[in-house]
């Protein structure tokens, strides 16, 4: 809730008063600003973190997320690539790069990025879910279902993975499986079917 986020921001500001050169605290501040949808301020905060420590890969990735929210896709791509350059095994940065490519319509590059994220971190459910969504967009529904099922196998309690699987099962005419996945999604999160 907004109240909790404002409390978190107050705590972060107290921490920054004590530790004004803490990149970790700046990164948290930027994350709270992102949660508050204040992307411009988050960008500035991540840039401050990177002035303190230019090799902070997570701040580069988070800067990319904030830039992407403002549709600054080229700058976001630069930030994700910098995070990967610093930390070549940064699966989350590859996953976010894949999402960026998907948003830009560069589906083959998105596929490569998601697959790299999964290669680095085989238990990365979010990357499998994103891969499933990409396959669905490409019309490769069998691969989409396989990807969603892998995401569910890893993280069975995420309603979105079940919901996405239900959509594709419906598209291929497997209505019983679709219904079961919809029901499971609603069981897990009745407020977000």
Protein backbone atom coordinates (compact mmCIF):
# COMPACT_ATOMS: atom_id res chain seq x y z
CA UNK A 1 0.00 0.00 0.00
CA UNK A 2 1.03 3.57 -0.48
CA UNK A 3 1.21 4.15 3.28
CA UNK A 4 3.64 1.25 3.74
CA UNK A 5 5.77 2.52 0.86
CA UNK A 6 5.88 5.98 2.39
CA UNK A 7 6.97 4.42 5.70
CA UNK A 8 9.67 2.51 3.85
CA UNK A 9 10.83 5.73 2.18
CA UNK A 10 11.09 7.47 5.55
CA UNK A 11 13.20 4.58 6.87
CA UNK A 12 15.42 4.70 3.79
CA UNK A 13 15.95 8.44 4.21
CA UNK A 14 16.99 7.86 7.83
CA UNK A 15 19.44 5.20 6.64
CA UNK A 16 20.86 7.58 4.02
CA UNK A 17 21.39 10.21 6.70
CA UNK A 18 23.54 7.67 8.57
CA UNK A 19 25.18 6.09 5.51
CA UNK A 20 25.26 8.72 2.75
CA UNK A 21 27.57 6.66 0.52
CA UNK A 22 25.72 3.35 0.76
CA UNK A 23 24.93 2.10 -2.73
CA UNK A 24 22.68 -0.57 -1.23
CA UNK A 25 20.53 2.05 0.50
CA UNK A 26 20.34 4.16 -2.67
CA UNK A 27 19.30 1.04 -4.55
CA UNK A 28 16.53 0.39 -2.01
CA UNK A 29 15.43 4.02 -2.24
CA UNK A 30 15.20 3.70 -6.02
CA UNK A 31 13.21 0.49 -5.69
CA UNK A 32 10.72 2.20 -3.36
CA UNK A 33 10.44 5.11 -5.80
CA UNK A 34 9.73 2.57 -8.56
CA UNK A 35 7.01 0.99 -6.42
CA UNK A 36 5.54 4.48 -5.98
CA UNK A 37 5.71 4.84 -9.80
CA UNK A 38 8.02 7.83 -9.49
CA UNK A 39 10.28 6.59 -12.27
CA UNK A 40 12.04 9.89 -12.92
CA UNK A 41 13.13 10.14 -9.31
CA UNK A 42 14.12 6.45 -9.29
CA UNK A 43 16.35 7.04 -12.31
CA UNK A 44 18.12 9.87 -10.52
CA UNK A 45 18.52 7.74 -7.38
CA UNK A 46 20.02 4.80 -9.30
CA UNK A 47 22.38 7.23 -11.03
CA UNK A 48 23.55 8.47 -7.61
CA UNK A 49 24.20 4.87 -6.55
CA UNK A 50 26.25 4.39 -9.72
CA UNK A 51 28.24 7.56 -9.07
CA UNK A 52 29.22 6.08 -5.72
CA UNK A 53 29.96 2.63 -7.21
CA UNK A 54 29.93 2.35 -11.03
CA UNK A 55 30.41 -1.43 -10.75
CA UNK A 56 27.12 -2.02 -8.88
CA UNK A 57 25.43 -4.35 -11.37
CA UNK A 58 22.06 -4.42 -9.61
CA UNK A 59 21.79 -0.61 -9.77
CA UNK A 60 22.51 -0.74 -13.52
CA UNK A 61 19.75 -3.32 -13.94
CA UNK A 62 17.30 -1.32 -11.81
CA UNK A 63 18.16 1.81 -13.77
CA UNK A 64 17.25 -0.16 -16.89
CA UNK A 65 13.91 -1.14 -15.36
CA UNK A 66 13.08 2.49 -14.55
CA UNK A 67 14.14 3.67 -18.01
CA UNK A 68 12.02 0.97 -19.64
CA UNK A 69 8.99 2.14 -17.64
CA UNK A 70 9.42 5.52 -19.32
CA UNK A 71 9.84 3.84 -22.73
CA UNK A 72 13.51 4.82 -22.95
CA UNK A 73 14.25 1.42 -24.43
CA UNK A 74 17.66 2.19 -25.92
CA UNK A 75 18.94 3.62 -22.64
CA UNK A 76 17.41 0.70 -20.75
CA UNK A 77 19.20 -1.73 -23.05
CA UNK A 78 22.51 0.04 -22.35
CA UNK A 79 21.89 -0.31 -18.60
CA UNK A 80 21.02 -4.01 -18.83
CA UNK A 81 24.08 -4.66 -20.99
CA UNK A 82 26.28 -2.82 -18.50
CA UNK A 83 24.88 -4.95 -15.66
CA UNK A 84 25.67 -8.09 -17.67
CA UNK A 85 29.15 -6.81 -18.55
CA UNK A 86 29.86 -6.36 -14.83
CA UNK A 87 28.17 -9.61 -13.79
CA UNK A 88 28.02 -12.06 -16.73
CA UNK A 89 25.94 -14.57 -14.74
CA UNK A 90 23.20 -12.01 -13.94
CA UNK A 91 20.14 -14.04 -14.97
CA UNK A 92 17.68 -11.33 -13.90
CA UNK A 93 19.37 -8.79 -16.20
CA UNK A 94 19.12 -11.23 -19.13
CA UNK A 95 15.45 -11.80 -18.29
CA UNK A 96 14.77 -8.06 -18.24
CA UNK A 97 16.70 -7.64 -21.49
CA UNK A 98 14.46 -10.31 -23.00
CA UNK A 99 11.36 -8.44 -21.89
CA UNK A 100 12.76 -5.25 -23.40
CA UNK A 101 13.41 -6.97 -26.73
CA UNK A 102 9.89 -8.43 -26.65
CA UNK A 103 8.44 -4.95 -26.08
CA UNK A 104 10.45 -3.71 -29.07
CA UNK A 105 9.17 -6.59 -31.23
CA UNK A 106 12.61 -8.21 -31.47
CA UNK A 107 11.32 -11.67 -30.64
CA UNK A 108 14.38 -13.69 -31.65
CA UNK A 109 16.62 -11.55 -29.45
CA UNK A 110 14.08 -11.87 -26.64
CA UNK A 111 14.17 -15.65 -27.02
CA UNK A 112 17.99 -15.67 -26.80
CA UNK A 113 17.91 -13.52 -23.66
CA UNK A 114 15.29 -15.64 -21.88
CA UNK A 115 17.14 -18.83 -22.79
CA UNK A 116 20.39 -17.34 -21.46
CA UNK A 117 18.65 -16.39 -18.19
CA UNK A 118 17.40 -19.98 -17.84
CA UNK A 119 20.80 -21.42 -18.75
CA UNK A 120 22.37 -19.38 -15.95
CA UNK A 121 19.57 -20.02 -13.45
CA UNK A 122 17.63 -23.18 -14.34
CA UNK A 123 15.11 -22.65 -11.52
CA UNK A 124 14.12 -19.17 -12.72
CA UNK A 125 10.33 -19.49 -12.91
CA UNK A 126 9.77 -15.91 -14.07
CA UNK A 127 12.04 -16.44 -17.08
CA UNK A 128 10.10 -19.60 -18.02
CA UNK A 129 6.84 -17.65 -17.71
CA UNK A 130 8.22 -14.88 -19.92
CA UNK A 131 9.44 -17.48 -22.40
CA UNK A 132 5.94 -18.97 -22.46
CA UNK A 133 4.44 -15.55 -23.17
CA UNK A 134 6.94 -15.04 -25.98
CA UNK A 135 6.09 -18.44 -27.51
CA UNK A 136 2.37 -17.59 -27.24
CA UNK A 137 3.00 -14.34 -29.10
CA UNK A 138 4.93 -16.23 -31.78
CA UNK A 139 2.07 -18.73 -32.14
CA UNK A 140 4.17 -21.61 -30.82
CA UNK A 141 1.51 -22.75 -28.38
CA UNK A 142 2.98 -26.17 -27.55
CA UNK A 143 6.24 -24.51 -26.50
CA UNK A 144 4.27 -21.89 -24.58
CA UNK A 145 2.49 -24.57 -22.56
CA UNK A 146 5.77 -26.38 -21.89
CA UNK A 147 7.31 -23.15 -20.61
CA UNK A 148 4.35 -22.31 -18.38
CA UNK A 149 4.34 -25.85 -17.00
CA UNK A 150 8.03 -25.54 -16.17
CA UNK A 151 7.34 -22.22 -14.38
CA UNK A 152 4.51 -23.91 -12.44
CA UNK A 153 6.73 -26.88 -11.59
CA UNK A 154 9.24 -24.45 -10.06
CA UNK A 155 6.78 -22.04 -8.43
CA UNK A 156 3.38 -23.71 -8.16
CA UNK A 157 1.92 -20.97 -5.96
CA UNK A 158 2.08 -18.17 -8.55
CA UNK A 159 -1.42 -17.56 -9.86
CA UNK A 160 -0.19 -15.75 -12.99
CA UNK A 161 1.62 -18.84 -14.28
CA UNK A 162 -1.58 -20.90 -13.97
CA UNK A 163 -3.58 -18.09 -15.58
CA UNK A 164 -1.20 -17.87 -18.54
CA UNK A 165 -1.31 -21.65 -18.99
CA UNK A 166 -5.12 -21.52 -18.94
CA UNK A 167 -5.19 -18.96 -21.75
CA UNK A 168 -3.01 -21.09 -24.03
CA UNK A 169 -4.87 -24.29 -23.16
CA UNK A 170 -8.05 -22.46 -24.18
CA UNK A 171 -6.46 -21.30 -27.45
CA UNK A 172 -5.64 -24.87 -28.46
CA UNK A 173 -9.11 -26.07 -27.49
CA UNK A 174 -8.12 -28.03 -24.40
CA UNK A 175 -11.03 -26.66 -22.41
CA UNK A 176 -10.86 -29.02 -19.43
CA UNK A 177 -7.19 -28.24 -18.79
CA UNK A 178 -7.92 -24.56 -19.36
CA UNK A 179 -10.75 -24.61 -16.81
CA UNK A 180 -8.57 -26.43 -14.28
CA UNK A 181 -5.78 -23.88 -14.68
CA UNK A 182 -8.22 -20.96 -14.34
CA UNK A 183 -9.63 -22.47 -11.16
CA UNK A 184 -6.14 -23.01 -9.74
CA UNK A 185 -5.23 -19.42 -10.55
CA UNK A 186 -8.32 -18.14 -8.74
CA UNK A 187 -7.68 -20.43 -5.75
CA UNK A 188 -4.21 -18.98 -5.41
CA UNK A 189 -5.29 -15.37 -5.79
CA UNK A 190 -9.06 -14.72 -5.80
CA UNK A 191 -8.51 -10.98 -6.28
CA UNK A 192 -6.32 -11.26 -9.37
CA UNK A 193 -7.69 -13.83 -11.83
